[in-house]
């Protein structure tokens, strides 16, 4: 899977784990994905995901006015690092221990 595909899968995985829904439609139109919910554990997991994918932590934030956890990414990331294959390390702190990325 590419890093962009892992981003989309990871955001959906994190949302489900925290009882929220995710909006990952049209990520290359808006260069953004979000989880429809806000809390510290969700933000922490999203920031860990961003760290694993090379997205700056400052691009992951809570928007309390919308009640969402948002990850914005640069178009340059999407078309360079986002196209690279993701190699799992086994230390992905943002996913459930027994979850297989992409399944």
N, C-alpha and C. Protein backbone atom coordinates (compact mmCIF):
# COMPACT_ATOMS: atom_id res chain seq x y z
N UNK A 1 0.83 -1.18 0.00
CA UNK A 1 0.00 0.00 0.00
C UNK A 1 0.88 1.25 0.00
N UNK A 2 0.40 2.27 -0.66
CA UNK A 2 1.11 3.54 -0.62
C UNK A 2 0.85 4.24 0.70
N UNK A 3 1.66 5.22 1.00
CA UNK A 3 1.46 5.98 2.24
C UNK A 3 0.12 6.72 2.22
N UNK A 4 -0.31 7.17 1.06
CA UNK A 4 -1.62 7.81 0.97
C UNK A 4 -2.73 6.81 1.29
N UNK A 5 -2.62 5.60 0.76
CA UNK A 5 -3.62 4.57 1.05
C UNK A 5 -3.62 4.21 2.54
N UNK A 6 -2.45 4.17 3.15
CA UNK A 6 -2.36 3.89 4.59
C UNK A 6 -2.97 5.03 5.38
N UNK A 7 -2.78 6.27 4.94
CA UNK A 7 -3.42 7.41 5.60
C UNK A 7 -4.93 7.23 5.60
N UNK A 8 -5.51 6.91 4.46
CA UNK A 8 -6.96 6.76 4.37
C UNK A 8 -7.45 5.60 5.23
N UNK A 9 -6.75 4.46 5.14
CA UNK A 9 -7.14 3.31 5.95
C UNK A 9 -6.97 3.62 7.44
N UNK A 10 -5.85 4.25 7.78
CA UNK A 10 -5.56 4.55 9.18
C UNK A 10 -6.57 5.49 9.80
N UNK A 11 -6.99 6.51 9.08
CA UNK A 11 -7.98 7.45 9.60
C UNK A 11 -9.31 6.73 9.85
N UNK A 12 -9.69 5.86 8.94
CA UNK A 12 -10.93 5.10 9.14
C UNK A 12 -10.78 4.15 10.34
N UNK A 13 -9.64 3.51 10.46
CA UNK A 13 -9.37 2.59 11.56
C UNK A 13 -9.42 3.32 12.90
N UNK A 14 -8.76 4.45 12.99
CA UNK A 14 -8.75 5.24 14.22
C UNK A 14 -10.16 5.71 14.57
N UNK A 15 -10.88 6.19 13.59
CA UNK A 15 -12.25 6.66 13.84
C UNK A 15 -13.11 5.54 14.43
N UNK A 16 -13.04 4.38 13.81
CA UNK A 16 -13.83 3.24 14.29
C UNK A 16 -13.42 2.87 15.72
N UNK A 17 -12.13 2.86 15.99
CA UNK A 17 -11.64 2.50 17.33
C UNK A 17 -12.15 3.44 18.41
N UNK A 18 -12.43 4.69 18.04
CA UNK A 18 -12.86 5.68 19.02
C UNK A 18 -14.35 5.98 18.93
N UNK A 19 -15.08 5.20 18.14
CA UNK A 19 -16.53 5.37 18.06
C UNK A 19 -16.98 6.54 17.21
N UNK A 20 -16.14 6.95 16.26
CA UNK A 20 -16.47 8.05 15.37
C UNK A 20 -16.56 7.57 13.93
N UNK A 21 -16.90 8.46 13.04
CA UNK A 21 -16.86 8.17 11.60
C UNK A 21 -15.76 9.02 10.98
N UNK A 22 -15.34 8.60 9.79
CA UNK A 22 -14.26 9.31 9.10
C UNK A 22 -14.77 9.85 7.77
N UNK A 23 -14.18 10.94 7.34
CA UNK A 23 -14.45 11.49 6.02
C UNK A 23 -13.14 11.46 5.25
N UNK A 24 -13.02 10.48 4.35
CA UNK A 24 -11.80 10.34 3.55
C UNK A 24 -12.11 10.42 2.06
N UNK A 25 -13.30 10.92 1.73
CA UNK A 25 -13.67 11.05 0.31
C UNK A 25 -12.95 12.26 -0.29
N UNK A 26 -12.50 12.10 -1.50
CA UNK A 26 -11.85 13.18 -2.26
C UNK A 26 -10.63 13.79 -1.55
N UNK A 27 -9.73 12.97 -1.01
CA UNK A 27 -8.59 13.55 -0.30
C UNK A 27 -7.68 14.38 -1.20
N UNK A 28 -7.63 14.06 -2.48
CA UNK A 28 -6.75 14.81 -3.38
C UNK A 28 -7.42 16.07 -3.93
N UNK A 29 -8.69 16.24 -3.63
CA UNK A 29 -9.36 17.49 -3.99
C UNK A 29 -9.10 18.55 -2.91
N UNK A 30 -9.16 18.12 -1.65
CA UNK A 30 -9.03 19.06 -0.54
C UNK A 30 -7.70 18.92 0.21
N UNK A 31 -6.93 17.87 -0.07
CA UNK A 31 -5.68 17.58 0.64
C UNK A 31 -5.93 17.58 2.15
N UNK A 32 -7.00 16.89 2.51
CA UNK A 32 -7.41 16.84 3.89
C UNK A 32 -8.31 15.63 4.12
N UNK A 33 -8.22 15.05 5.30
CA UNK A 33 -9.13 13.99 5.75
C UNK A 33 -9.50 14.34 7.18
N UNK A 34 -10.61 13.77 7.66
CA UNK A 34 -10.98 14.10 9.03
C UNK A 34 -11.75 12.97 9.70
N UNK A 35 -11.76 13.06 11.01
CA UNK A 35 -12.57 12.19 11.85
C UNK A 35 -13.63 13.07 12.48
N UNK A 36 -14.86 12.62 12.40
CA UNK A 36 -15.98 13.40 12.92
C UNK A 36 -16.12 13.17 14.42
N UNK A 37 -15.19 13.73 15.16
CA UNK A 37 -15.16 13.62 16.61
C UNK A 37 -13.86 14.20 17.13
N UNK A 38 -13.90 14.63 18.38
CA UNK A 38 -12.74 15.29 18.98
C UNK A 38 -12.52 14.73 20.39
N UNK A 39 -11.33 14.21 20.64
CA UNK A 39 -10.88 13.90 21.99
C UNK A 39 -9.37 13.69 21.94
N UNK A 40 -8.75 13.68 23.10
CA UNK A 40 -7.29 13.59 23.17
C UNK A 40 -6.76 12.27 22.60
N UNK A 41 -7.36 11.11 22.93
CA UNK A 41 -6.82 9.86 22.37
C UNK A 41 -6.89 9.80 20.84
N UNK A 42 -7.96 10.34 20.26
CA UNK A 42 -8.08 10.36 18.80
C UNK A 42 -7.00 11.24 18.19
N UNK A 43 -6.80 12.41 18.75
CA UNK A 43 -5.77 13.32 18.25
C UNK A 43 -4.38 12.68 18.39
N UNK A 44 -4.14 12.03 19.49
CA UNK A 44 -2.86 11.37 19.71
C UNK A 44 -2.60 10.28 18.68
N UNK A 45 -3.62 9.44 18.43
CA UNK A 45 -3.47 8.39 17.42
C UNK A 45 -3.24 8.97 16.03
N UNK A 46 -3.96 10.03 15.70
CA UNK A 46 -3.79 10.65 14.38
C UNK A 46 -2.40 11.25 14.22
N UNK A 47 -1.89 11.84 15.28
CA UNK A 47 -0.54 12.41 15.21
C UNK A 47 0.51 11.32 15.08
N UNK A 48 0.29 10.18 15.74
CA UNK A 48 1.22 9.05 15.60
C UNK A 48 1.18 8.53 14.17
N UNK A 49 -0.01 8.44 13.58
CA UNK A 49 -0.15 8.02 12.18
C UNK A 49 0.61 8.98 11.27
N UNK A 50 0.42 10.27 11.49
CA UNK A 50 1.12 11.26 10.67
C UNK A 50 2.63 11.10 10.79
N UNK A 51 3.12 10.88 12.01
CA UNK A 51 4.55 10.69 12.21
C UNK A 51 5.08 9.51 11.42
N UNK A 52 4.32 8.41 11.39
CA UNK A 52 4.74 7.23 10.63
C UNK A 52 4.75 7.47 9.13
N UNK A 53 3.93 8.42 8.67
CA UNK A 53 3.81 8.67 7.23
C UNK A 53 4.61 9.88 6.74
N UNK A 54 5.24 10.59 7.65
CA UNK A 54 6.04 11.75 7.25
C UNK A 54 5.22 13.01 7.04
N UNK A 55 4.06 13.08 7.70
CA UNK A 55 3.24 14.30 7.66
C UNK A 55 3.54 15.06 8.94
N UNK A 56 3.86 16.36 8.86
CA UNK A 56 4.18 17.12 10.06
C UNK A 56 3.04 17.08 11.08
N UNK A 57 3.42 16.91 12.35
CA UNK A 57 2.43 16.83 13.43
C UNK A 57 1.53 18.06 13.48
N UNK A 58 2.07 19.22 13.13
CA UNK A 58 1.28 20.45 13.17
C UNK A 58 0.15 20.45 12.13
N UNK A 59 0.19 19.53 11.18
CA UNK A 59 -0.88 19.43 10.18
C UNK A 59 -2.02 18.56 10.66
N UNK A 60 -1.95 18.07 11.89
CA UNK A 60 -3.01 17.28 12.50
C UNK A 60 -3.51 18.07 13.71
N UNK A 61 -4.79 18.42 13.71
CA UNK A 61 -5.31 19.30 14.77
C UNK A 61 -6.79 19.06 15.00
N UNK A 62 -7.27 19.58 16.12
CA UNK A 62 -8.69 19.52 16.44
C UNK A 62 -9.34 20.82 16.02
N UNK A 63 -10.51 20.71 15.43
CA UNK A 63 -11.33 21.87 15.14
C UNK A 63 -12.59 21.71 15.96
N UNK A 64 -12.58 22.29 17.15
CA UNK A 64 -13.70 22.11 18.08
C UNK A 64 -14.97 22.76 17.57
N UNK A 65 -14.86 23.78 16.74
CA UNK A 65 -16.08 24.41 16.21
C UNK A 65 -16.83 23.47 15.27
N UNK A 66 -16.11 22.57 14.60
CA UNK A 66 -16.73 21.58 13.72
C UNK A 66 -16.85 20.23 14.41
N UNK A 67 -16.20 20.07 15.56
CA UNK A 67 -16.21 18.79 16.25
C UNK A 67 -15.47 17.73 15.47
N UNK A 68 -14.31 18.09 14.94
CA UNK A 68 -13.57 17.18 14.06
C UNK A 68 -12.08 17.19 14.38
N UNK A 69 -11.46 16.06 14.12
CA UNK A 69 -10.01 15.92 14.15
C UNK A 69 -9.56 15.90 12.69
N UNK A 70 -8.72 16.82 12.31
CA UNK A 70 -8.40 17.04 10.90
C UNK A 70 -6.92 16.78 10.64
N UNK A 71 -6.65 16.15 9.51
CA UNK A 71 -5.29 16.00 9.01
C UNK A 71 -5.25 16.66 7.64
N UNK A 72 -4.49 17.74 7.55
CA UNK A 72 -4.23 18.38 6.26
C UNK A 72 -2.86 17.92 5.79
N UNK A 73 -2.70 17.78 4.51
CA UNK A 73 -1.38 17.41 3.98
C UNK A 73 -1.12 18.22 2.73
N UNK A 74 0.13 18.47 2.49
CA UNK A 74 0.54 19.28 1.35
C UNK A 74 0.35 18.49 0.05
N UNK A 75 -0.03 19.16 -1.04
CA UNK A 75 -0.08 18.47 -2.33
C UNK A 75 1.26 17.82 -2.67
N UNK A 76 2.35 18.48 -2.30
CA UNK A 76 3.67 17.91 -2.60
C UNK A 76 3.86 16.58 -1.88
N UNK A 77 3.33 16.43 -0.64
CA UNK A 77 3.42 15.15 0.07
C UNK A 77 2.61 14.09 -0.68
N UNK A 78 1.42 14.46 -1.12
CA UNK A 78 0.53 13.51 -1.79
C UNK A 78 1.17 12.91 -3.03
N UNK A 79 1.90 13.72 -3.77
CA UNK A 79 2.44 13.27 -5.06
C UNK A 79 3.90 12.80 -4.99
N UNK A 80 4.50 12.90 -3.80
CA UNK A 80 5.87 12.38 -3.65
C UNK A 80 5.85 11.29 -2.58
N UNK A 81 5.95 11.67 -1.32
CA UNK A 81 5.99 10.68 -0.23
C UNK A 81 4.71 9.86 -0.16
N UNK A 82 3.58 10.46 -0.52
CA UNK A 82 2.31 9.73 -0.48
C UNK A 82 2.24 8.59 -1.48
N UNK A 83 3.07 8.63 -2.50
CA UNK A 83 3.08 7.56 -3.51
C UNK A 83 4.07 6.44 -3.16
N UNK A 84 4.90 6.67 -2.13
CA UNK A 84 5.87 5.65 -1.72
C UNK A 84 5.14 4.49 -1.05
N UNK A 85 5.70 3.31 -1.15
CA UNK A 85 5.15 2.14 -0.47
C UNK A 85 5.41 2.27 1.03
N UNK A 86 4.39 1.95 1.80
CA UNK A 86 4.54 1.97 3.26
C UNK A 86 5.05 0.61 3.72
N UNK A 87 6.08 0.63 4.51
CA UNK A 87 6.64 -0.60 5.06
C UNK A 87 6.35 -0.60 6.56
N UNK A 88 5.43 -1.47 7.00
CA UNK A 88 5.09 -1.50 8.43
C UNK A 88 6.32 -1.82 9.28
N UNK A 89 6.39 -1.17 10.44
CA UNK A 89 7.51 -1.38 11.36
C UNK A 89 7.14 -2.32 12.50
N UNK A 90 5.85 -2.51 12.70
CA UNK A 90 5.39 -3.28 13.85
C UNK A 90 5.25 -2.42 15.09
N UNK A 91 5.62 -1.15 14.99
CA UNK A 91 5.53 -0.22 16.11
C UNK A 91 4.47 0.86 15.88
N UNK A 92 3.49 0.57 15.06
CA UNK A 92 2.44 1.54 14.78
C UNK A 92 1.53 1.67 16.01
N UNK A 93 1.72 2.72 16.77
CA UNK A 93 0.98 2.91 18.02
C UNK A 93 -0.45 3.39 17.79
N UNK A 94 -0.79 3.72 16.58
CA UNK A 94 -2.10 4.26 16.25
C UNK A 94 -3.11 3.19 15.87
N UNK A 95 -2.70 1.95 15.72
CA UNK A 95 -3.62 0.89 15.32
C UNK A 95 -3.74 -0.16 16.40
N UNK A 96 -4.83 -0.91 16.35
CA UNK A 96 -4.98 -2.01 17.29
C UNK A 96 -3.89 -3.04 17.06
N UNK A 97 -3.45 -3.68 18.10
CA UNK A 97 -2.32 -4.60 18.05
C UNK A 97 -2.51 -5.70 17.00
N UNK A 98 -3.70 -6.27 16.91
CA UNK A 98 -3.92 -7.39 16.01
C UNK A 98 -4.44 -6.98 14.63
N UNK A 99 -4.58 -5.67 14.38
CA UNK A 99 -5.08 -5.20 13.08
C UNK A 99 -3.97 -5.28 12.03
N UNK A 100 -4.36 -5.70 10.83
CA UNK A 100 -3.44 -5.74 9.70
C UNK A 100 -3.74 -4.55 8.81
N UNK A 101 -2.75 -3.73 8.57
CA UNK A 101 -2.95 -2.51 7.79
C UNK A 101 -3.49 -2.88 6.42
N UNK A 102 -4.60 -2.25 6.08
CA UNK A 102 -5.22 -2.45 4.77
C UNK A 102 -6.33 -3.49 4.76
N UNK A 103 -6.52 -4.21 5.85
CA UNK A 103 -7.57 -5.23 5.88
C UNK A 103 -8.66 -4.88 6.83
